[in-house]
Amino acid sequence: MRFRSLAAFTFSLAAIPLFAADPPREPRALTILAASGRSIQTWHGQATLQSLHMEWSQPYRWKSQLSLDIAPYSIRQPRSWFGDLYNDGDENTYAIAGALILRRTFRPQSAWRTYVEAGTGPMWSTHRVPAATSHFNFATQTGFGVIFMPRSDYGLFAGYRFWHVSNGGIVSRNPGLNVNGIVIGSRLVAR
């Protein structure tokens, strides 16, 4: 009898977390981010990227948010596959990208919130990126940063982001761009 009572008591203690209330989740939000970065120097040359990101996010599993990111890009890159070897100079190209981003925010009830993120999606550009490769690429990104929420419905966003822009091998040349950059912006929270 004592064993049954002890087993029932132990089971009820173990089951308490199953019935506990879920912690508060991040609400839906619209985030506007400006980003700028520079690619790692290779024999193809070096590119710079600037972009304006509009992200719509909503709560997802594992205390995270899933965001739909739409971003126009301005890219300055070497005009030639050979960098500036033949004095071809640089060119400006423009792109539009969409991505799904999974972001995990830590301490969601604090005014200062840190985050990590990862995402990927397609990108289409007016010129081949890098030169002599493809108009169509994938923009894969990962990063971390901080969100300062002085009010419950508005926040400021700052962080580091790494992009890998590559055609994924769909054409024969696939050198890609590896870009290190920063993001800054604001976040509007729907209540």
Protein backbone atom coordinates (compact mmCIF):
# COMPACT_ATOMS: atom_id res chain seq x y z
CA MET A 1 0.00 0.00 0.00
CA ARG A 2 2.78 2.39 0.87
CA PHE A 3 4.44 1.64 -2.48
CA ARG A 4 1.21 2.54 -4.36
CA SER A 5 0.85 5.77 -2.40
CA LEU A 6 4.47 6.68 -3.01
CA ALA A 7 4.13 5.84 -6.72
CA ALA A 8 0.94 7.90 -7.05
CA PHE A 9 2.55 10.84 -5.24
CA THR A 10 5.69 10.64 -7.43
CA PHE A 11 3.61 10.41 -10.60
CA SER A 12 1.51 13.43 -9.61
CA LEU A 13 4.67 15.48 -8.91
CA ALA A 14 6.13 14.45 -12.28
CA ALA A 15 2.90 15.40 -14.07
CA ILE A 16 2.72 18.96 -12.69
CA PRO A 17 4.81 20.45 -15.53
CA LEU A 18 2.40 18.90 -18.05
CA PHE A 19 -0.46 20.97 -16.69
CA ALA A 20 1.45 24.15 -15.91
CA ALA A 21 0.58 27.23 -17.90
CA ASP A 22 2.72 27.97 -20.96
CA PRO A 23 5.11 30.89 -20.53
CA PRO A 24 4.06 34.12 -22.26
CA ARG A 25 4.79 34.04 -25.99
CA GLU A 26 6.03 36.81 -28.21
CA PRO A 27 3.07 38.43 -29.99
CA ARG A 28 2.82 39.08 -33.72
CA ALA A 29 5.11 41.86 -34.90
CA LEU A 30 6.19 43.91 -37.90
CA THR A 31 9.91 44.63 -38.01
CA ILE A 32 11.57 47.08 -40.42
CA LEU A 33 15.34 46.60 -40.68
CA ALA A 34 18.08 48.36 -42.64
CA ALA A 35 21.07 46.15 -43.34
CA SER A 36 24.51 46.72 -44.76
CA GLY A 37 27.43 44.39 -45.26
CA ARG A 38 30.55 43.56 -47.20
CA SER A 39 31.56 40.24 -48.70
CA ILE A 40 34.76 38.46 -47.89
CA GLN A 41 37.51 39.40 -50.40
CA THR A 42 38.13 36.65 -52.99
CA TRP A 43 39.89 36.56 -56.35
CA HIS A 44 36.49 37.50 -57.84
CA GLY A 45 36.64 40.77 -55.90
CA GLN A 46 34.50 42.14 -53.10
CA ALA A 47 30.81 43.09 -53.04
CA THR A 48 28.79 45.34 -50.76
CA LEU A 49 25.10 44.84 -49.98
CA GLN A 50 22.50 47.22 -48.61
CA SER A 51 18.93 46.12 -48.01
CA LEU A 52 15.67 47.12 -46.38
CA HIS A 53 13.88 44.20 -44.70
CA MET A 54 10.19 44.04 -43.87
CA GLU A 55 9.45 41.12 -41.59
CA TRP A 56 6.07 39.86 -40.42
CA SER A 57 6.51 37.48 -37.51
CA GLN A 58 4.24 35.38 -35.37
CA PRO A 59 4.78 32.97 -32.47
CA TYR A 60 5.99 29.52 -33.40
CA ARG A 61 7.14 26.41 -31.55
CA TRP A 62 9.98 26.17 -29.07
CA LYS A 63 9.55 29.75 -27.77
CA SER A 64 10.48 31.19 -31.15
CA GLN A 65 9.00 33.35 -33.92
CA LEU A 66 8.62 32.51 -37.59
CA SER A 67 9.05 35.52 -39.87
CA LEU A 68 8.29 36.17 -43.51
CA ASP A 69 11.00 38.54 -44.74
CA ILE A 70 10.72 40.57 -47.98
CA ALA A 71 13.75 42.68 -48.89
CA PRO A 72 14.95 44.77 -51.83
CA TYR A 73 18.75 44.73 -52.14
CA SER A 74 21.28 47.08 -53.71
CA ILE A 75 24.50 45.24 -54.54
CA ARG A 76 27.77 46.77 -55.72
CA GLN A 77 30.01 44.07 -57.15
CA PRO A 78 32.86 43.56 -59.63
CA ARG A 79 31.56 43.69 -63.22
CA SER A 80 33.74 40.75 -64.28
CA TRP A 81 34.16 37.17 -63.10
CA PHE A 82 37.87 38.01 -62.82
CA GLY A 83 37.37 40.84 -60.32
CA ASP A 84 39.25 43.95 -61.43
CA LEU A 85 42.05 42.04 -63.16
CA TYR A 86 41.22 43.68 -66.53
CA ASN A 87 40.13 47.04 -65.06
CA ASP A 88 36.43 46.34 -65.70
CA GLY A 89 35.36 48.18 -62.57
CA ASP A 90 32.25 47.60 -60.50
CA GLU A 91 28.54 47.55 -61.29
CA ASN A 92 25.37 48.17 -59.30
CA THR A 93 22.69 45.54 -59.40
CA TYR A 94 19.35 45.34 -57.66
CA ALA A 95 17.62 42.30 -56.24
CA ILE A 96 14.47 41.25 -54.44
CA ALA A 97 14.53 38.44 -51.90
CA GLY A 98 12.04 36.59 -49.75
CA ALA A 99 12.92 34.40 -46.80
CA LEU A 100 11.49 32.44 -43.91
CA ILE A 101 13.39 33.23 -40.73
CA LEU A 102 13.21 31.36 -37.45
CA ARG A 103 14.15 33.64 -34.54
CA ARG A 104 14.56 32.61 -30.91
CA THR A 105 14.23 35.51 -28.48
CA PHE A 106 15.56 35.10 -24.95
CA ARG A 107 13.99 36.80 -21.91
CA PRO A 108 10.84 37.90 -23.79
CA GLN A 109 9.44 39.80 -20.80
CA SER A 110 12.58 41.92 -20.32
CA ALA A 111 13.15 45.34 -21.89
CA TRP A 112 16.51 44.07 -23.27
CA ARG A 113 16.03 40.85 -25.28
CA THR A 114 18.75 38.92 -27.06
CA TYR A 115 18.02 36.77 -30.09
CA VAL A 116 19.51 34.27 -32.53
CA GLU A 117 18.09 33.68 -36.01
CA ALA A 118 18.50 31.61 -39.15
CA GLY A 119 16.64 31.62 -42.45
CA THR A 120 16.76 31.19 -46.20
CA GLY A 121 14.86 32.05 -49.33
CA PRO A 122 15.08 32.89 -53.03
CA MET A 123 16.66 36.03 -54.52
CA TRP A 124 16.30 37.43 -58.06
CA SER A 125 18.69 40.13 -59.32
CA THR A 126 18.88 42.40 -62.38
CA HIS A 127 22.49 41.28 -63.10
CA ARG A 128 24.22 37.99 -62.37
CA VAL A 129 25.41 37.78 -58.75
CA PRO A 130 28.38 37.22 -58.59
CA ALA A 131 29.25 38.25 -62.16
CA ALA A 132 28.98 35.48 -64.80
CA THR A 133 26.96 33.15 -62.53
CA SER A 134 23.18 33.47 -62.12
CA HIS A 135 20.32 35.95 -61.77
CA PHE A 136 18.61 33.50 -59.41
CA ASN A 137 20.20 32.80 -56.02
CA PHE A 138 19.36 31.73 -52.51
CA ALA A 139 20.05 34.15 -49.66
CA THR A 140 20.75 32.13 -46.54
CA GLN A 141 21.26 34.12 -43.36
CA THR A 142 22.06 33.68 -39.71
CA GLY A 143 22.65 36.21 -36.97
CA PHE A 144 22.26 37.43 -33.43
CA GLY A 145 21.52 40.69 -31.68
CA VAL A 146 19.48 42.60 -29.17
CA ILE A 147 15.97 44.05 -29.15
CA PHE A 148 15.32 46.97 -26.79
CA MET A 149 11.60 47.20 -25.94
CA PRO A 150 11.04 50.40 -23.90
CA ARG A 151 7.27 49.92 -24.42
CA SER A 152 5.28 46.75 -24.95
CA ASP A 153 4.27 47.74 -28.50
CA TYR A 154 7.51 49.26 -29.86
CA GLY A 155 11.16 48.28 -29.91
CA LEU A 156 14.57 48.98 -31.40
CA PHE A 157 16.53 46.24 -33.14
CA ALA A 158 20.32 45.92 -33.63
CA GLY A 159 22.42 42.93 -34.58
CA TYR A 160 24.96 41.10 -36.68
CA ARG A 161 23.92 39.07 -39.74
CA PHE A 162 25.89 36.72 -41.98
CA TRP A 163 24.53 36.10 -45.49
CA HIS A 164 25.55 33.41 -47.95
CA VAL A 165 24.27 34.30 -51.42
CA SER A 166 24.62 31.35 -53.77
CA ASN A 167 22.78 29.73 -56.68
CA GLY A 168 22.93 26.36 -54.94
CA GLY A 169 24.69 24.69 -57.86
CA ILE A 170 21.82 25.16 -60.35
CA VAL A 171 24.36 26.56 -62.85
CA SER A 172 27.95 25.43 -63.42
CA ARG A 173 29.57 28.40 -61.67
CA ASN A 174 28.67 28.72 -58.00
CA PRO A 175 31.23 30.78 -56.07
CA GLY A 176 28.66 32.58 -53.91
CA LEU A 177 29.11 35.61 -51.69
CA ASN A 178 29.80 35.43 -47.96
CA VAL A 179 28.71 38.71 -46.43
CA ASN A 180 29.20 40.03 -42.88
CA GLY A 181 26.91 42.88 -41.93
CA ILE A 182 24.85 44.75 -39.39
CA VAL A 183 21.10 45.26 -39.09
CA ILE A 184 19.30 48.08 -37.30
CA GLY A 185 15.62 48.89 -37.20
CA SER A 186 12.39 49.06 -35.27
CA ARG A 187 9.71 46.62 -34.25
CA LEU A 188 5.98 47.25 -33.93
CA VAL A 189 4.09 44.70 -31.88
CA ALA A 190 0.42 43.86 -32.47
CA ARG A 191 -1.54 43.52 -29.23
